[in-house]
């Protein structure tokens, strides 16, 4: 299912990463080899799993967000033949949005655009229910979002993670 993938590999080596702009994906320490193994053998050796800085987490939105809230599953890195991807796992959790929310939509690899949070809710809903409604420069790229929470557990920033 496309809704469960997110960018997380070193393929984006643009100057954006060097300019202090954050990317939503952690960089793995190695490239995978062909094949796969569930035994822990290095057949899909992506290297060390990516880790996020303290205070950030990846989520996969479970249902289209409504005004002021969303339900989302924690997204964990998974090694695939194409590198690390984030996938939602477990039960969805209910999140409220903080009074002031910084929202960003992906506008392609290494590029985001700050938008009103309502535009992000509409975009996320369209990606889940009506992808034809999404207009350039945006696209539906995996339904994975990088979020930070305030001290009360409310979403204070949310950024769509780009994936081809």
N, C-alpha and C. Protein backbone atom coordinates (compact mmCIF):
# COMPACT_ATOMS: atom_id res chain seq x y z
N UNK A 1 0.84 -1.17 0.00
CA UNK A 1 0.00 0.00 0.00
C UNK A 1 0.88 1.23 0.00
N UNK A 2 0.72 2.12 -0.93
CA UNK A 2 1.54 3.30 -1.05
C UNK A 2 1.43 4.20 0.16
N UNK A 3 0.31 4.21 0.84
CA UNK A 3 0.12 5.09 1.98
C UNK A 3 1.04 4.76 3.14
N UNK A 4 1.84 3.71 3.05
CA UNK A 4 2.67 3.31 4.17
C UNK A 4 4.15 3.52 3.90
N UNK A 5 4.52 4.28 2.89
CA UNK A 5 5.92 4.50 2.62
C UNK A 5 6.28 5.96 2.77
N UNK A 6 7.54 6.18 3.11
CA UNK A 6 8.02 7.55 3.25
C UNK A 6 9.49 7.59 2.92
N UNK A 7 9.96 8.74 2.52
CA UNK A 7 11.36 8.90 2.15
C UNK A 7 12.23 8.76 3.37
N UNK A 8 13.39 8.16 3.19
CA UNK A 8 14.32 8.08 4.30
C UNK A 8 15.71 7.71 3.85
N UNK A 9 16.00 7.81 2.60
CA UNK A 9 17.31 7.41 2.12
C UNK A 9 18.17 8.58 1.77
N UNK A 10 19.42 8.30 1.46
CA UNK A 10 20.37 9.35 1.15
C UNK A 10 20.29 9.86 -0.27
N UNK A 11 19.24 9.49 -1.03
CA UNK A 11 19.21 9.90 -2.42
C UNK A 11 19.10 11.40 -2.61
N UNK A 12 18.58 12.14 -1.65
CA UNK A 12 18.46 13.59 -1.76
C UNK A 12 19.73 14.23 -1.21
N UNK A 13 20.64 14.56 -2.09
CA UNK A 13 21.90 15.17 -1.68
C UNK A 13 21.96 16.61 -2.13
N UNK A 14 20.80 17.23 -2.26
CA UNK A 14 20.75 18.61 -2.72
C UNK A 14 21.31 19.55 -1.67
N UNK A 15 21.54 20.77 -2.07
CA UNK A 15 22.09 21.78 -1.17
C UNK A 15 21.12 22.12 -0.05
N UNK A 16 19.83 21.76 -0.18
CA UNK A 16 18.87 22.06 0.88
C UNK A 16 19.32 21.50 2.21
N UNK A 17 19.85 20.29 2.21
CA UNK A 17 20.29 19.66 3.44
C UNK A 17 21.44 20.41 4.07
N UNK A 18 22.27 21.05 3.27
CA UNK A 18 23.43 21.77 3.79
C UNK A 18 23.08 23.18 4.24
N UNK A 19 21.90 23.67 3.88
CA UNK A 19 21.55 25.04 4.21
C UNK A 19 20.87 25.17 5.55
N UNK A 20 20.83 24.09 6.31
CA UNK A 20 20.21 24.15 7.62
C UNK A 20 18.75 23.75 7.58
N UNK A 21 18.18 23.54 6.39
CA UNK A 21 16.80 23.08 6.29
C UNK A 21 16.73 21.64 6.76
N UNK A 22 15.76 21.31 7.58
CA UNK A 22 15.69 19.95 8.07
C UNK A 22 14.97 19.09 7.06
N UNK A 23 15.38 17.84 7.02
CA UNK A 23 14.65 16.87 6.23
C UNK A 23 13.95 15.96 7.21
N UNK A 24 12.83 15.43 6.84
CA UNK A 24 12.03 14.64 7.75
C UNK A 24 12.55 13.23 7.89
N UNK A 25 13.52 12.85 7.12
CA UNK A 25 13.99 11.49 7.17
C UNK A 25 15.38 11.43 7.77
N UNK A 26 15.61 10.38 8.51
CA UNK A 26 16.93 10.14 9.07
C UNK A 26 17.76 9.41 8.04
N UNK A 27 19.03 9.64 8.00
CA UNK A 27 19.89 9.02 7.02
C UNK A 27 20.41 7.68 7.54
N UNK A 28 20.21 6.59 6.80
CA UNK A 28 20.76 5.31 7.23
C UNK A 28 22.26 5.29 7.03
N UNK A 29 22.92 4.34 7.69
CA UNK A 29 24.37 4.29 7.60
C UNK A 29 24.87 3.37 6.50
N UNK A 30 23.98 2.70 5.78
CA UNK A 30 24.42 1.81 4.72
C UNK A 30 23.34 1.59 3.70
N UNK A 31 23.69 0.98 2.58
CA UNK A 31 22.73 0.68 1.53
C UNK A 31 22.35 -0.80 1.62
N UNK A 32 21.13 -1.12 1.27
CA UNK A 32 20.71 -2.51 1.31
C UNK A 32 21.27 -3.29 0.14
N UNK A 33 21.38 -4.58 0.33
CA UNK A 33 21.74 -5.46 -0.78
C UNK A 33 20.46 -6.07 -1.30
N UNK A 34 20.53 -6.73 -2.44
CA UNK A 34 19.34 -7.34 -3.02
C UNK A 34 18.87 -8.49 -2.15
N UNK A 35 17.60 -8.76 -2.19
CA UNK A 35 17.05 -9.89 -1.44
C UNK A 35 16.54 -9.45 -0.09
N UNK A 36 16.08 -10.42 0.68
CA UNK A 36 15.55 -10.08 1.99
C UNK A 36 15.60 -11.27 2.91
N UNK A 37 15.57 -10.98 4.22
CA UNK A 37 15.60 -12.03 5.20
C UNK A 37 14.92 -11.56 6.46
N UNK A 38 14.07 -12.39 7.02
CA UNK A 38 13.43 -12.03 8.28
C UNK A 38 14.20 -12.59 9.46
N UNK A 39 15.31 -13.28 9.21
CA UNK A 39 16.08 -13.90 10.28
C UNK A 39 17.10 -12.96 10.90
N UNK A 40 17.16 -11.74 10.44
CA UNK A 40 18.13 -10.80 10.98
C UNK A 40 19.46 -10.86 10.25
N UNK A 41 19.59 -11.77 9.29
CA UNK A 41 20.81 -11.84 8.50
C UNK A 41 20.89 -10.61 7.61
N UNK A 42 22.06 -10.22 7.15
CA UNK A 42 22.22 -8.98 6.40
C UNK A 42 21.76 -9.00 4.95
N UNK A 43 20.77 -9.81 4.57
CA UNK A 43 20.29 -9.82 3.19
C UNK A 43 19.72 -8.46 2.79
N UNK A 44 19.02 -7.79 3.68
CA UNK A 44 18.54 -6.43 3.48
C UNK A 44 19.29 -5.55 4.48
N UNK A 45 20.57 -5.46 4.35
CA UNK A 45 21.37 -4.74 5.33
C UNK A 45 21.33 -3.25 5.05
N UNK A 46 20.39 -2.58 5.65
CA UNK A 46 20.26 -1.13 5.50
C UNK A 46 21.22 -0.41 6.44
N UNK A 47 21.92 -1.15 7.26
CA UNK A 47 22.77 -0.50 8.25
C UNK A 47 21.95 -0.20 9.49
N UNK A 48 22.45 0.68 10.30
CA UNK A 48 21.78 1.05 11.55
C UNK A 48 20.47 1.79 11.24
N UNK A 49 19.43 1.43 11.98
CA UNK A 49 18.13 2.08 11.78
C UNK A 49 18.24 3.58 12.04
N UNK A 50 17.54 4.40 11.25
CA UNK A 50 17.58 5.84 11.47
C UNK A 50 16.93 6.19 12.80
N UNK A 51 17.43 7.24 13.42
CA UNK A 51 16.83 7.73 14.65
C UNK A 51 16.49 9.21 14.46
N UNK A 52 15.46 9.64 15.13
CA UNK A 52 15.03 11.03 15.04
C UNK A 52 15.55 11.81 16.25
N UNK A 53 15.75 13.09 16.08
CA UNK A 53 16.14 13.92 17.22
C UNK A 53 15.05 13.88 18.30
N UNK A 54 15.44 14.11 19.53
CA UNK A 54 14.49 14.13 20.63
C UNK A 54 13.36 15.11 20.34
N UNK A 55 12.16 14.71 20.67
CA UNK A 55 11.00 15.57 20.49
C UNK A 55 10.30 15.43 19.16
N UNK A 56 10.85 14.65 18.24
CA UNK A 56 10.22 14.45 16.94
C UNK A 56 9.76 13.01 16.82
N UNK A 57 8.69 12.80 16.06
CA UNK A 57 8.24 11.44 15.77
C UNK A 57 7.58 11.42 14.40
N UNK A 58 7.61 10.25 13.79
CA UNK A 58 6.95 10.03 12.51
C UNK A 58 5.63 9.34 12.79
N UNK A 59 4.60 9.77 12.05
CA UNK A 59 3.28 9.15 12.18
C UNK A 59 2.70 8.93 10.80
N UNK A 60 1.80 7.96 10.71
CA UNK A 60 1.01 7.74 9.50
C UNK A 60 -0.43 8.06 9.86
N UNK A 61 -1.00 9.07 9.22
CA UNK A 61 -2.37 9.47 9.52
C UNK A 61 -3.30 8.32 9.15
N UNK A 62 -4.19 7.97 10.09
CA UNK A 62 -5.06 6.80 9.91
C UNK A 62 -6.38 7.14 9.22
N UNK A 63 -6.93 8.31 9.47
CA UNK A 63 -8.17 8.77 8.85
C UNK A 63 -7.98 10.25 8.52
N UNK A 64 -8.71 10.77 7.54
CA UNK A 64 -8.55 12.19 7.22
C UNK A 64 -8.72 13.06 8.47
N UNK A 65 -7.76 13.97 8.70
CA UNK A 65 -7.86 14.83 9.89
C UNK A 65 -9.08 15.73 9.82
N UNK A 66 -9.63 16.03 10.99
CA UNK A 66 -10.71 17.00 11.06
C UNK A 66 -10.18 18.22 11.79
N UNK A 67 -10.95 19.25 11.79
CA UNK A 67 -10.51 20.51 12.39
C UNK A 67 -10.05 20.28 13.84
N UNK A 68 -8.77 20.49 14.06
CA UNK A 68 -8.22 20.45 15.40
C UNK A 68 -7.74 19.12 15.91
N UNK A 69 -7.91 18.03 15.13
CA UNK A 69 -7.47 16.73 15.63
C UNK A 69 -7.15 15.77 14.50
N UNK A 70 -6.44 14.71 14.86
CA UNK A 70 -6.16 13.65 13.90
C UNK A 70 -5.92 12.36 14.66
N UNK A 71 -6.10 11.25 13.99
CA UNK A 71 -5.74 9.93 14.50
C UNK A 71 -4.59 9.44 13.63
N UNK A 72 -3.53 8.97 14.28
CA UNK A 72 -2.36 8.53 13.52
C UNK A 72 -1.65 7.40 14.26
N UNK A 73 -1.05 6.53 13.47
CA UNK A 73 -0.25 5.43 14.00
C UNK A 73 1.20 5.88 14.09
N UNK A 74 1.92 5.44 15.11
CA UNK A 74 3.36 5.68 15.15
C UNK A 74 3.98 5.00 13.94
N UNK A 75 4.89 5.67 13.27
CA UNK A 75 5.57 5.10 12.10
C UNK A 75 7.00 4.75 12.50
N UNK A 76 7.38 3.54 12.22
CA UNK A 76 8.70 3.03 12.57
C UNK A 76 9.49 2.76 11.29
N UNK A 77 10.82 2.89 11.36
CA UNK A 77 11.63 2.58 10.18
C UNK A 77 11.64 1.08 9.91
N UNK A 78 11.52 0.73 8.64
CA UNK A 78 11.55 -0.65 8.20
C UNK A 78 12.55 -0.75 7.06
N UNK A 79 13.45 -1.72 7.14
CA UNK A 79 14.44 -1.94 6.10
C UNK A 79 13.79 -2.65 4.92
N UNK A 80 13.95 -2.10 3.73
CA UNK A 80 13.44 -2.71 2.50
C UNK A 80 14.58 -2.80 1.50
N UNK A 81 14.39 -3.50 0.39
CA UNK A 81 15.43 -3.54 -0.64
C UNK A 81 15.78 -2.16 -1.19
N UNK A 82 14.89 -1.18 -1.00
CA UNK A 82 15.14 0.17 -1.51
C UNK A 82 15.59 1.14 -0.43
N UNK A 83 15.95 0.66 0.75
CA UNK A 83 16.43 1.49 1.85
C UNK A 83 15.39 1.52 2.97
N UNK A 84 15.57 2.40 3.91
CA UNK A 84 14.64 2.53 5.03
C UNK A 84 13.40 3.28 4.61
N UNK A 85 12.24 2.81 5.05
CA UNK A 85 10.99 3.53 4.89
C UNK A 85 10.29 3.55 6.24
N UNK A 86 9.39 4.50 6.42
CA UNK A 86 8.59 4.56 7.64
C UNK A 86 7.23 3.97 7.34
N UNK A 87 6.72 3.15 8.27
CA UNK A 87 5.41 2.53 8.13
C UNK A 87 4.67 2.65 9.45
N UNK A 88 3.38 2.99 9.36
CA UNK A 88 2.55 3.05 10.56
C UNK A 88 2.37 1.67 11.15
N UNK A 89 2.42 1.59 12.48
CA UNK A 89 2.28 0.31 13.17
C UNK A 89 1.41 0.49 14.41
N UNK A 90 0.70 -0.55 14.76
CA UNK A 90 -0.08 -0.55 15.99
C UNK A 90 -1.39 0.21 15.86
N UNK A 91 -1.96 0.51 17.00
CA UNK A 91 -3.22 1.23 17.07
C UNK A 91 -3.01 2.72 16.82
N UNK A 92 -3.98 3.34 16.19
CA UNK A 92 -3.93 4.79 15.97
C UNK A 92 -4.13 5.50 17.30
N UNK A 93 -3.43 6.62 17.47
CA UNK A 93 -3.56 7.46 18.65
C UNK A 93 -4.26 8.75 18.23
N UNK A 94 -4.97 9.32 19.16
CA UNK A 94 -5.72 10.56 18.92
C UNK A 94 -4.85 11.74 19.33
N UNK A 95 -4.69 12.71 18.44
CA UNK A 95 -3.89 13.90 18.70
C UNK A 95 -4.74 15.15 18.52
N UNK A 96 -4.56 16.10 19.41
CA UNK A 96 -5.12 17.44 19.23
C UNK A 96 -4.02 18.34 18.71
N UNK A 97 -4.40 19.37 17.99
CA UNK A 97 -3.43 20.35 17.50
C UNK A 97 -3.34 21.50 18.49
N UNK A 98 -2.12 21.99 18.70
CA UNK A 98 -1.91 23.14 19.56
C UNK A 98 -2.57 24.37 18.93
N UNK A 99 -2.74 25.42 19.74
CA UNK A 99 -3.37 26.65 19.26
C UNK A 99 -2.63 27.21 18.04
N UNK A 100 -1.32 27.28 18.13
CA UNK A 100 -0.48 27.75 17.02
C UNK A 100 0.29 26.56 16.47
N UNK A 101 -0.01 26.16 15.25
CA UNK A 101 0.61 25.00 14.63
C UNK A 101 1.38 25.44 13.40
N UNK A 102 2.62 24.95 13.30
CA UNK A 102 3.38 25.17 12.07
C UNK A 102 3.15 23.95 11.19
N UNK A 103 2.62 24.16 9.99
CA UNK A 103 2.31 23.07 9.07
C UNK A 103 3.09 23.26 7.78
N UNK A 104 3.65 22.17 7.27
CA UNK A 104 4.40 22.20 6.02
C UNK A 104 3.98 21.04 5.14
N UNK A 105 3.81 21.33 3.86
CA UNK A 105 3.53 20.30 2.87
C UNK A 105 4.76 20.11 1.99
N UNK A 106 4.97 18.88 1.58
CA UNK A 106 6.08 18.58 0.68
C UNK A 106 5.78 19.14 -0.70
N UNK A 107 6.79 19.79 -1.27
CA UNK A 107 6.68 20.32 -2.62
C UNK A 107 7.73 19.65 -3.51
N UNK A 108 8.09 18.41 -3.19
CA UNK A 108 9.08 17.66 -3.94
C UNK A 108 10.26 17.31 -3.06
N UNK A 109 11.26 16.65 -3.61
CA UNK A 109 12.40 16.20 -2.81
C UNK A 109 13.15 17.39 -2.21
N UNK A 110 13.29 17.38 -0.88
CA UNK A 110 14.05 18.41 -0.20
C UNK A 110 13.37 19.76 -0.12
N UNK A 111 12.10 19.85 -0.48
CA UNK A 111 11.41 21.13 -0.54
C UNK A 111 10.06 21.05 0.19
N UNK A 112 9.81 22.01 1.06
CA UNK A 112 8.50 22.10 1.72
C UNK A 112 7.99 23.52 1.62
N UNK A 113 6.69 23.66 1.83
CA UNK A 113 6.07 24.97 1.83
C UNK A 113 5.22 25.09 3.09
N UNK A 114 5.40 26.17 3.84
CA UNK A 114 4.59 26.42 5.02
C UNK A 114 3.19 26.81 4.57
N UNK A 115 2.19 26.18 5.17
CA UNK A 115 0.79 26.41 4.80
C UNK A 115 -0.03 26.55 6.08
N UNK A 116 -1.22 27.15 5.98
CA UNK A 116 -2.13 27.14 7.13
C UNK A 116 -2.48 25.68 7.46
N UNK A 117 -2.63 25.38 8.74
CA UNK A 117 -2.87 23.99 9.14
C UNK A 117 -4.13 23.42 8.49
N UNK A 118 -5.14 24.24 8.24
CA UNK A 118 -6.34 23.76 7.56
C UNK A 118 -6.05 23.25 6.16
N UNK A 119 -5.09 23.87 5.48
CA UNK A 119 -4.70 23.40 4.14
C UNK A 119 -4.04 22.03 4.24
N UNK A 120 -3.25 21.81 5.29
CA UNK A 120 -2.64 20.51 5.50
C UNK A 120 -3.71 19.46 5.77
N UNK A 121 -4.71 19.77 6.59
CA UNK A 121 -5.79 18.81 6.86
C UNK A 121 -6.50 18.43 5.57
N UNK A 122 -6.81 19.43 4.73
CA UNK A 122 -7.48 19.17 3.46
C UNK A 122 -6.61 18.30 2.56
N UNK A 123 -5.32 18.65 2.48
CA UNK A 123 -4.38 17.90 1.65
C UNK A 123 -4.31 16.44 2.11
N UNK A 124 -4.13 16.22 3.41
CA UNK A 124 -4.03 14.85 3.94
C UNK A 124 -5.30 14.07 3.64
N UNK A 125 -6.45 14.71 3.81
CA UNK A 125 -7.71 14.05 3.50
C UNK A 125 -7.85 13.71 2.03
N UNK A 126 -7.47 14.67 1.17
CA UNK A 126 -7.52 14.42 -0.28
C UNK A 126 -6.60 13.26 -0.66
N UNK A 127 -5.42 13.21 -0.08
CA UNK A 127 -4.49 12.12 -0.40
C UNK A 127 -5.06 10.77 -0.01
N UNK A 128 -5.89 10.75 1.01
CA UNK A 128 -6.46 9.49 1.47
C UNK A 128 -7.75 9.12 0.72
N UNK A 129 -8.47 10.13 0.19
CA UNK A 129 -9.79 9.84 -0.38
C UNK A 129 -9.99 10.28 -1.82
N UNK A 130 -9.20 11.26 -2.29
CA UNK A 130 -9.43 11.82 -3.63
C UNK A 130 -8.13 12.43 -4.17
N UNK A 131 -7.17 11.59 -4.52
CA UNK A 131 -5.86 12.08 -4.94
C UNK A 131 -5.92 13.00 -6.15
N UNK A 132 -6.96 12.88 -6.96
CA UNK A 132 -7.09 13.75 -8.14
C UNK A 132 -7.29 15.21 -7.74
N UNK A 133 -7.72 15.46 -6.51
CA UNK A 133 -7.94 16.83 -6.05
C UNK A 133 -6.64 17.54 -5.67
N UNK A 134 -5.55 16.81 -5.53
CA UNK A 134 -4.27 17.40 -5.12
C UNK A 134 -3.59 18.02 -6.34
N UNK A 135 -3.27 19.29 -6.24
CA UNK A 135 -2.68 20.05 -7.35
C UNK A 135 -1.22 20.36 -7.08
N UNK A 136 -0.43 20.44 -8.17
CA UNK A 136 0.99 20.79 -8.10
C UNK A 136 1.14 22.15 -7.40
N UNK A 137 2.18 22.36 -6.63
CA UNK A 137 3.40 21.56 -6.55
C UNK A 137 3.30 20.39 -5.59
N UNK A 138 2.12 20.14 -5.02
CA UNK A 138 1.97 19.07 -4.05
C UNK A 138 1.64 17.76 -4.73
N UNK A 139 1.90 16.68 -4.00
CA UNK A 139 1.53 15.35 -4.46
C UNK A 139 1.27 14.51 -3.22
N UNK A 140 0.73 13.36 -3.43
CA UNK A 140 0.51 12.44 -2.32
C UNK A 140 1.72 11.53 -2.26
N UNK A 141 2.45 11.64 -1.17
CA UNK A 141 3.75 10.96 -1.16
C UNK A 141 3.93 10.03 0.03
N UNK A 142 2.91 9.33 0.44
CA UNK A 142 3.12 8.29 1.43
C UNK A 142 2.35 8.42 2.72
N UNK A 143 1.73 9.56 3.00
CA UNK A 143 0.90 9.72 4.18
C UNK A 143 1.70 9.64 5.48
N UNK A 144 2.98 9.93 5.43
CA UNK A 144 3.83 9.94 6.63
C UNK A 144 4.14 11.40 6.95
N UNK A 145 4.03 11.73 8.23
CA UNK A 145 4.25 13.11 8.69
C UNK A 145 5.21 13.11 9.87
N UNK A 146 6.09 14.09 9.87
CA UNK A 146 7.06 14.32 10.93
C UNK A 146 6.41 15.35 11.87
N UNK A 147 6.21 14.97 13.14
CA UNK A 147 5.53 15.88 14.06
C UNK A 147 6.37 16.15 15.30
N UNK A 148 6.09 17.28 15.93
CA UNK A 148 6.59 17.57 17.26
C UNK A 148 5.38 17.89 18.13
N UNK A 149 5.50 17.57 19.41
CA UNK A 149 4.42 17.77 20.36
C UNK A 149 4.84 18.80 21.40
N UNK A 150 3.85 19.54 21.91
CA UNK A 150 4.15 20.47 23.00
C UNK A 150 4.12 19.72 24.33
N UNK A 151 4.31 20.42 25.43
CA UNK A 151 4.36 19.80 26.74
C UNK A 151 3.07 19.11 27.15
N UNK A 152 1.96 19.45 26.51
CA UNK A 152 0.68 18.83 26.82
C UNK A 152 0.34 17.69 25.86
N UNK A 153 1.26 17.36 24.95
CA UNK A 153 1.04 16.27 24.00
C UNK A 153 0.28 16.67 22.75
N UNK A 154 0.09 17.98 22.54
CA UNK A 154 -0.59 18.47 21.34
C UNK A 154 0.41 18.70 20.21
N UNK A 155 -0.03 18.50 18.98
CA UNK A 155 0.83 18.69 17.82
C UNK A 155 1.14 20.19 17.67
N UNK A 156 2.44 20.53 17.74
CA UNK A 156 2.82 21.94 17.54
C UNK A 156 3.47 22.17 16.19
N UNK A 157 3.96 21.09 15.54
CA UNK A 157 4.41 21.21 14.16
C UNK A 157 4.15 19.88 13.46
N UNK A 158 3.85 19.99 12.17
CA UNK A 158 3.57 18.82 11.36
C UNK A 158 4.09 19.09 9.96
N UNK A 159 4.86 18.14 9.46
CA UNK A 159 5.51 18.30 8.16
C UNK A 159 5.37 17.02 7.35
N UNK A 160 4.81 17.14 6.16
CA UNK A 160 4.67 16.00 5.29
C UNK A 160 6.04 15.53 4.83
N UNK A 161 6.23 14.21 4.81
CA UNK A 161 7.49 13.62 4.37
C UNK A 161 7.35 13.25 2.91
N UNK A 162 8.26 13.74 2.07
CA UNK A 162 8.20 13.47 0.63
C UNK A 162 8.72 12.07 0.34
N UNK A 163 8.08 11.42 -0.62
CA UNK A 163 8.55 10.14 -1.13
C UNK A 163 8.13 10.04 -2.58
N UNK A 164 9.05 9.56 -3.45
CA UNK A 164 8.72 9.46 -4.87
C UNK A 164 7.58 8.48 -5.14
